[in-house]
Amino acid sequence: MGTGPNFGDLSKPRVMVKVGNAGDAGPLEIVEMLFTVRGPTAGAILMQWNVKAPSAGVAGMWDTHFRVGGAKGSDLDMALCAKGTHNYQDCTAASLLLHITKQASGYFENVWVWTGDQ
Protein backbone atom coordinates (compact mmCIF):
# COMPACT_ATOMS: atom_id res chain seq x y z
CA MET A 1 0.00 0.00 0.00
CA GLY A 2 1.49 3.29 -1.11
CA THR A 3 0.78 6.37 0.93
CA GLY A 4 2.26 9.69 1.98
CA PRO A 5 3.57 12.91 0.46
CA ASN A 6 6.05 11.03 -1.76
CA PHE A 7 3.09 10.22 -4.05
CA GLY A 8 1.14 13.47 -3.66
CA ASP A 9 2.15 15.50 -6.71
CA LEU A 10 0.28 14.69 -9.93
CA SER A 11 2.77 16.75 -11.95
CA LYS A 12 5.68 14.59 -10.66
CA PRO A 13 4.49 10.96 -10.69
CA ARG A 14 6.58 8.44 -8.75
CA VAL A 15 6.73 4.66 -8.97
CA MET A 16 5.53 2.69 -5.94
CA VAL A 17 6.81 -0.76 -7.08
CA LYS A 18 9.50 -1.02 -9.74
CA VAL A 19 9.82 -4.48 -11.29
CA GLY A 20 13.35 -4.67 -12.70
CA ASN A 21 15.32 -1.95 -14.45
CA ALA A 22 15.31 -0.98 -18.12
CA GLY A 23 16.94 -3.79 -20.08
CA ASP A 24 16.49 -6.49 -17.43
CA ALA A 25 15.45 -9.93 -18.69
CA GLY A 26 14.90 -13.18 -16.87
CA PRO A 27 12.48 -15.24 -14.84
CA LEU A 28 10.08 -13.44 -12.55
CA GLU A 29 6.77 -14.34 -10.92
CA ILE A 30 4.35 -12.17 -8.97
CA VAL A 31 1.44 -14.20 -7.60
CA GLU A 32 -1.58 -13.34 -5.43
CA MET A 33 -0.71 -9.74 -4.59
CA LEU A 34 -2.83 -6.64 -4.07
CA PHE A 35 -1.37 -3.23 -4.92
CA THR A 36 -3.26 -0.22 -3.61
CA VAL A 37 -2.92 3.25 -2.07
CA ARG A 38 -4.23 5.08 0.98
CA GLY A 39 -5.22 8.71 1.03
CA PRO A 40 -4.62 11.27 -1.67
CA THR A 41 -1.84 9.88 -3.87
CA ALA A 42 -2.38 11.70 -7.17
CA GLY A 43 1.23 11.12 -8.27
CA ALA A 44 1.38 7.38 -7.61
CA ILE A 45 2.30 4.93 -10.35
CA LEU A 46 1.49 1.67 -8.61
CA MET A 47 3.80 -0.53 -10.70
CA GLN A 48 6.36 -0.07 -13.45
CA TRP A 49 7.11 -3.37 -15.22
CA ASN A 50 10.55 -3.27 -16.91
CA VAL A 51 11.39 -6.98 -17.20
CA LYS A 52 11.49 -8.70 -20.56
CA ALA A 53 10.55 -12.38 -20.59
CA PRO A 54 13.34 -14.36 -22.30
CA SER A 55 10.71 -16.86 -23.51
CA ALA A 56 6.94 -17.25 -23.27
CA GLY A 57 5.59 -17.47 -19.72
CA VAL A 58 8.97 -17.06 -17.97
CA ALA A 59 8.19 -13.62 -16.53
CA GLY A 60 4.63 -12.97 -15.45
CA MET A 61 2.00 -11.99 -12.97
CA TRP A 62 -0.93 -14.18 -11.87
CA ASP A 63 -3.96 -13.62 -9.64
CA THR A 64 -2.88 -10.08 -8.81
CA HIS A 65 -5.02 -6.99 -8.36
CA PHE A 66 -4.47 -3.24 -8.58
CA ARG A 67 -7.25 -1.32 -6.84
CA VAL A 68 -7.50 2.34 -5.89
CA GLY A 69 -10.30 4.29 -4.26
CA GLY A 70 -13.49 3.18 -2.61
CA ALA A 71 -12.17 0.28 -0.54
CA LYS A 72 -12.25 0.18 3.24
CA GLY A 73 -8.99 1.57 4.60
CA SER A 74 -8.20 3.56 1.47
CA ASP A 75 -9.29 6.88 3.01
CA LEU A 76 -10.82 7.51 -0.41
CA ASP A 77 -14.29 6.17 0.30
CA MET A 78 -17.82 7.50 -0.08
CA ALA A 79 -17.72 9.29 3.29
CA LEU A 80 -14.82 11.49 2.14
CA CYS A 81 -15.18 11.54 -1.63
CA ALA A 82 -18.90 11.49 -2.42
CA LYS A 83 -19.68 12.83 -5.89
CA GLY A 84 -19.76 16.63 -5.95
CA THR A 85 -18.69 17.09 -2.32
CA HIS A 86 -14.91 16.77 -2.40
CA ASN A 87 -11.76 18.62 -3.28
CA TYR A 88 -10.17 17.05 -6.37
CA GLN A 89 -6.70 16.94 -4.78
CA ASP A 90 -8.01 15.17 -1.66
CA CYS A 91 -9.67 12.36 -3.60
CA THR A 92 -7.28 11.54 -6.46
CA ALA A 93 -5.98 8.02 -5.99
CA ALA A 94 -3.25 7.57 -8.62
CA SER A 95 -1.60 8.81 -11.78
CA LEU A 96 -1.29 5.34 -13.33
CA LEU A 97 -1.90 1.83 -12.04
CA LEU A 98 0.28 -0.38 -14.25
CA HIS A 99 2.98 0.84 -16.65
CA ILE A 100 4.51 -1.82 -18.87
CA THR A 101 7.50 -0.14 -20.49
CA LYS A 102 8.01 -0.56 -24.24
CA GLN A 103 11.03 -2.88 -23.97
CA ALA A 104 9.28 -5.12 -21.39
CA SER A 105 7.11 -8.20 -21.86
CA GLY A 106 5.35 -10.72 -19.70
CA TYR A 107 2.48 -13.12 -19.28
CA PHE A 108 -0.44 -11.71 -17.28
CA GLU A 109 -3.30 -13.92 -16.14
CA ASN A 110 -6.20 -12.92 -13.91
CA VAL A 111 -4.67 -9.48 -13.33
CA TRP A 112 -7.36 -6.94 -12.44
CA VAL A 113 -6.63 -3.23 -12.68
CA TRP A 114 -9.52 -1.10 -11.47
CA THR A 115 -10.57 2.11 -9.76
CA GLY A 116 -13.33 3.18 -7.37
CA ASP A 117 -15.50 0.50 -5.81
CA GLN A 118 -18.18 3.05 -4.96
C-alpha atoms as a PDB file:
ATOM      1  CA  MET A   1       0.000   0.000   0.000  1.00  0.00           C
ATOM      2  CA  GLY A   2       1.486   3.290  -1.111  1.00  0.00           C
ATOM      3  CA  THR A   3       0.781   6.374   0.932  1.00  0.00           C
ATOM      4  CA  GLY A   4       2.264   9.688   1.978  1.00  0.00           C
ATOM      5  CA  PRO A   5       3.568  12.907   0.456  1.00  0.00           C
ATOM      6  CA  ASN A   6       6.045  11.028  -1.763  1.00  0.00           C
ATOM      7  CA  PHE A   7       3.086  10.222  -4.050  1.00  0.00           C
ATOM      8  CA  GLY A   8       1.137  13.470  -3.657  1.00  0.00           C
ATOM      9  CA  ASP A   9       2.152  15.502  -6.713  1.00  0.00           C
ATOM     10  CA  LEU A  10       0.281  14.689  -9.934  1.00  0.00           C
ATOM     11  CA  SER A  11       2.774  16.753 -11.949  1.00  0.00           C
ATOM     12  CA  LYS A  12       5.676  14.594 -10.662  1.00  0.00           C
ATOM     13  CA  PRO A  13       4.493  10.963 -10.690  1.00  0.00           C
ATOM     14  CA  ARG A  14       6.585   8.444  -8.747  1.00  0.00           C
ATOM     15  CA  VAL A  15       6.727   4.660  -8.973  1.00  0.00           C
ATOM     16  CA  MET A  16       5.533   2.691  -5.940  1.00  0.00           C
ATOM     17  CA  VAL A  17       6.806  -0.760  -7.079  1.00  0.00           C
ATOM     18  CA  LYS A  18       9.502  -1.024  -9.739  1.00  0.00           C
ATOM     19  CA  VAL A  19       9.825  -4.482 -11.289  1.00  0.00           C
ATOM     20  CA  GLY A  20      13.350  -4.665 -12.704  1.00  0.00           C
ATOM     21  CA  ASN A  21      15.318  -1.954 -14.447  1.00  0.00           C
ATOM     22  CA  ALA A  22      15.307  -0.981 -18.119  1.00  0.00           C
ATOM     23  CA  GLY A  23      16.941  -3.788 -20.085  1.00  0.00           C
ATOM     24  CA  ASP A  24      16.488  -6.489 -17.429  1.00  0.00           C
ATOM     25  CA  ALA A  25      15.449  -9.930 -18.689  1.00  0.00           C
ATOM     26  CA  GLY A  26      14.902 -13.176 -16.865  1.00  0.00           C
ATOM     27  CA  PRO A  27      12.479 -15.243 -14.844  1.00  0.00           C
ATOM     28  CA  LEU A  28      10.075 -13.438 -12.554  1.00  0.00           C
ATOM     29  CA  GLU A  29       6.768 -14.337 -10.918  1.00  0.00           C
ATOM     30  CA  ILE A  30       4.354 -12.173  -8.967  1.00  0.00           C
ATOM     31  CA  VAL A  31       1.444 -14.200  -7.599  1.00  0.00           C
ATOM     32  CA  GLU A  32      -1.585 -13.336  -5.430  1.00  0.00           C
ATOM     33  CA  MET A  33      -0.711  -9.743  -4.589  1.00  0.00           C
ATOM     34  CA  LEU A  34      -2.834  -6.638  -4.067  1.00  0.00           C
ATOM     35  CA  PHE A  35      -1.367  -3.230  -4.919  1.00  0.00           C
ATOM     36  CA  THR A  36      -3.257  -0.217  -3.609  1.00  0.00           C
ATOM     37  CA  VAL A  37      -2.922   3.252  -2.071  1.00  0.00           C
ATOM     38  CA  ARG A  38      -4.233   5.079   0.978  1.00  0.00           C
ATOM     39  CA  GLY A  39      -5.224   8.711   1.029  1.00  0.00           C
ATOM     40  CA  PRO A  40      -4.621  11.275  -1.667  1.00  0.00           C
ATOM     41  CA  THR A  41      -1.839   9.884  -3.872  1.00  0.00           C
ATOM     42  CA  ALA A  42      -2.380  11.696  -7.172  1.00  0.00           C
ATOM     43  CA  GLY A  43       1.228  11.122  -8.267  1.00  0.00           C
ATOM     44  CA  ALA A  44       1.380   7.381  -7.611  1.00  0.00           C
ATOM     45  CA  ILE A  45       2.300   4.929 -10.347  1.00  0.00           C
ATOM     46  CA  LEU A  46       1.490   1.666  -8.609  1.00  0.00           C
ATOM     47  CA  MET A  47       3.801  -0.528 -10.702  1.00  0.00           C
ATOM     48  CA  GLN A  48       6.356  -0.069 -13.448  1.00  0.00           C
ATOM     49  CA  TRP A  49       7.106  -3.372 -15.224  1.00  0.00           C
ATOM     50  CA  ASN A  50      10.554  -3.272 -16.906  1.00  0.00           C
ATOM     51  CA  VAL A  51      11.395  -6.980 -17.199  1.00  0.00           C
ATOM     52  CA  LYS A  52      11.488  -8.702 -20.565  1.00  0.00           C
ATOM     53  CA  ALA A  53      10.548 -12.376 -20.590  1.00  0.00           C
ATOM     54  CA  PRO A  54      13.340 -14.362 -22.301  1.00  0.00           C
ATOM     55  CA  SER A  55      10.712 -16.863 -23.505  1.00  0.00           C
ATOM     56  CA  ALA A  56       6.940 -17.250 -23.271  1.00  0.00           C
ATOM     57  CA  GLY A  57       5.595 -17.473 -19.716  1.00  0.00           C
ATOM     58  CA  VAL A  58       8.970 -17.063 -17.975  1.00  0.00           C
ATOM     59  CA  ALA A  59       8.185 -13.621 -16.533  1.00  0.00           C
ATOM     60  CA  GLY A  60       4.634 -12.972 -15.453  1.00  0.00           C
ATOM     61  CA  MET A  61       2.003 -11.988 -12.969  1.00  0.00           C
ATOM     62  CA  TRP A  62      -0.927 -14.182 -11.865  1.00  0.00           C
ATOM     63  CA  ASP A  63      -3.963 -13.618  -9.639  1.00  0.00           C
ATOM     64  CA  THR A  64      -2.885 -10.084  -8.809  1.00  0.00           C
ATOM     65  CA  HIS A  65      -5.024  -6.987  -8.357  1.00  0.00           C
ATOM     66  CA  PHE A  66      -4.466  -3.238  -8.582  1.00  0.00           C
ATOM     67  CA  ARG A  67      -7.252  -1.320  -6.842  1.00  0.00           C
ATOM     68  CA  VAL A  68      -7.500   2.338  -5.889  1.00  0.00           C
ATOM     69  CA  GLY A  69     -10.296   4.294  -4.261  1.00  0.00           C
ATOM     70  CA  GLY A  70     -13.487   3.180  -2.612  1.00  0.00           C
ATOM     71  CA  ALA A  71     -12.172   0.283  -0.537  1.00  0.00           C
ATOM     72  CA  LYS A  72     -12.255   0.177   3.244  1.00  0.00           C
ATOM     73  CA  GLY A  73      -8.988   1.567   4.601  1.00  0.00           C
ATOM     74  CA  SER A  74      -8.201   3.559   1.466  1.00  0.00           C
ATOM     75  CA  ASP A  75      -9.286   6.883   3.010  1.00  0.00           C
ATOM     76  CA  LEU A  76     -10.823   7.507  -0.409  1.00  0.00           C
ATOM     77  CA  ASP A  77     -14.290   6.173   0.304  1.00  0.00           C
ATOM     78  CA  MET A  78     -17.824   7.501  -0.077  1.00  0.00           C
ATOM     79  CA  ALA A  79     -17.716   9.285   3.288  1.00  0.00           C
ATOM     80  CA  LEU A  80     -14.817  11.490   2.142  1.00  0.00           C
ATOM     81  CA  CYS A  81     -15.178  11.544  -1.630  1.00  0.00           C
ATOM     82  CA  ALA A  82     -18.904  11.493  -2.416  1.00  0.00           C
ATOM     83  CA  LYS A  83     -19.678  12.828  -5.894  1.00  0.00           C
ATOM     84  CA  GLY A  84     -19.763  16.631  -5.951  1.00  0.00           C
ATOM     85  CA  THR A  85     -18.689  17.088  -2.321  1.00  0.00           C
ATOM     86  CA  HIS A  86     -14.908  16.774  -2.405  1.00  0.00           C
ATOM     87  CA  ASN A  87     -11.757  18.624  -3.285  1.00  0.00           C
ATOM     88  CA  TYR A  88     -10.170  17.054  -6.373  1.00  0.00           C
ATOM     89  CA  GLN A  89      -6.705  16.944  -4.781  1.00  0.00           C
ATOM     90  CA  ASP A  90      -8.006  15.170  -1.656  1.00  0.00           C
ATOM     91  CA  CYS A  91      -9.669  12.358  -3.602  1.00  0.00           C
ATOM     92  CA  THR A  92      -7.285  11.544  -6.459  1.00  0.00           C
ATOM     93  CA  ALA A  93      -5.979   8.025  -5.994  1.00  0.00           C
ATOM     94  CA  ALA A  94      -3.251   7.567  -8.621  1.00  0.00           C
ATOM     95  CA  SER A  95      -1.596   8.806 -11.778  1.00  0.00           C
ATOM     96  CA  LEU A  96      -1.291   5.336 -13.330  1.00  0.00           C
ATOM     97  CA  LEU A  97      -1.904   1.827 -12.044  1.00  0.00           C
ATOM     98  CA  LEU A  98       0.279  -0.384 -14.253  1.00  0.00           C
ATOM     99  CA  HIS A  99       2.976   0.844 -16.647  1.00  0.00           C
ATOM    100  CA  ILE A 100       4.508  -1.821 -18.870  1.00  0.00           C
ATOM    101  CA  THR A 101       7.502  -0.135 -20.494  1.00  0.00           C
ATOM    102  CA  LYS A 102       8.007  -0.564 -24.242  1.00  0.00           C
ATOM    103  CA  GLN A 103      11.026  -2.882 -23.971  1.00  0.00           C
ATOM    104  CA  ALA A 104       9.276  -5.124 -21.391  1.00  0.00           C
ATOM    105  CA  SER A 105       7.113  -8.198 -21.864  1.00  0.00           C
ATOM    106  CA  GLY A 106       5.346 -10.721 -19.699  1.00  0.00           C
ATOM    107  CA  TYR A 107       2.481 -13.123 -19.277  1.00  0.00           C
ATOM    108  CA  PHE A 108      -0.436 -11.707 -17.275  1.00  0.00           C
ATOM    109  CA  GLU A 109      -3.303 -13.921 -16.144  1.00  0.00           C
ATOM    110  CA  ASN A 110      -6.204 -12.916 -13.909  1.00  0.00           C
ATOM    111  CA  VAL A 111      -4.670  -9.477 -13.333  1.00  0.00           C
ATOM    112  CA  TRP A 112      -7.359  -6.941 -12.441  1.00  0.00           C
ATOM    113  CA  VAL A 113      -6.631  -3.229 -12.683  1.00  0.00           C
ATOM    114  CA  TRP A 114      -9.519  -1.101 -11.470  1.00  0.00           C
ATOM    115  CA  THR A 115     -10.573   2.108  -9.757  1.00  0.00           C
ATOM    116  CA  GLY A 116     -13.333   3.180  -7.367  1.00  0.00           C
ATOM    117  CA  ASP A 117     -15.500   0.496  -5.806  1.00  0.00           C
ATOM    118  CA  GLN A 118     -18.180   3.054  -4.961  1.00  0.00           C
END
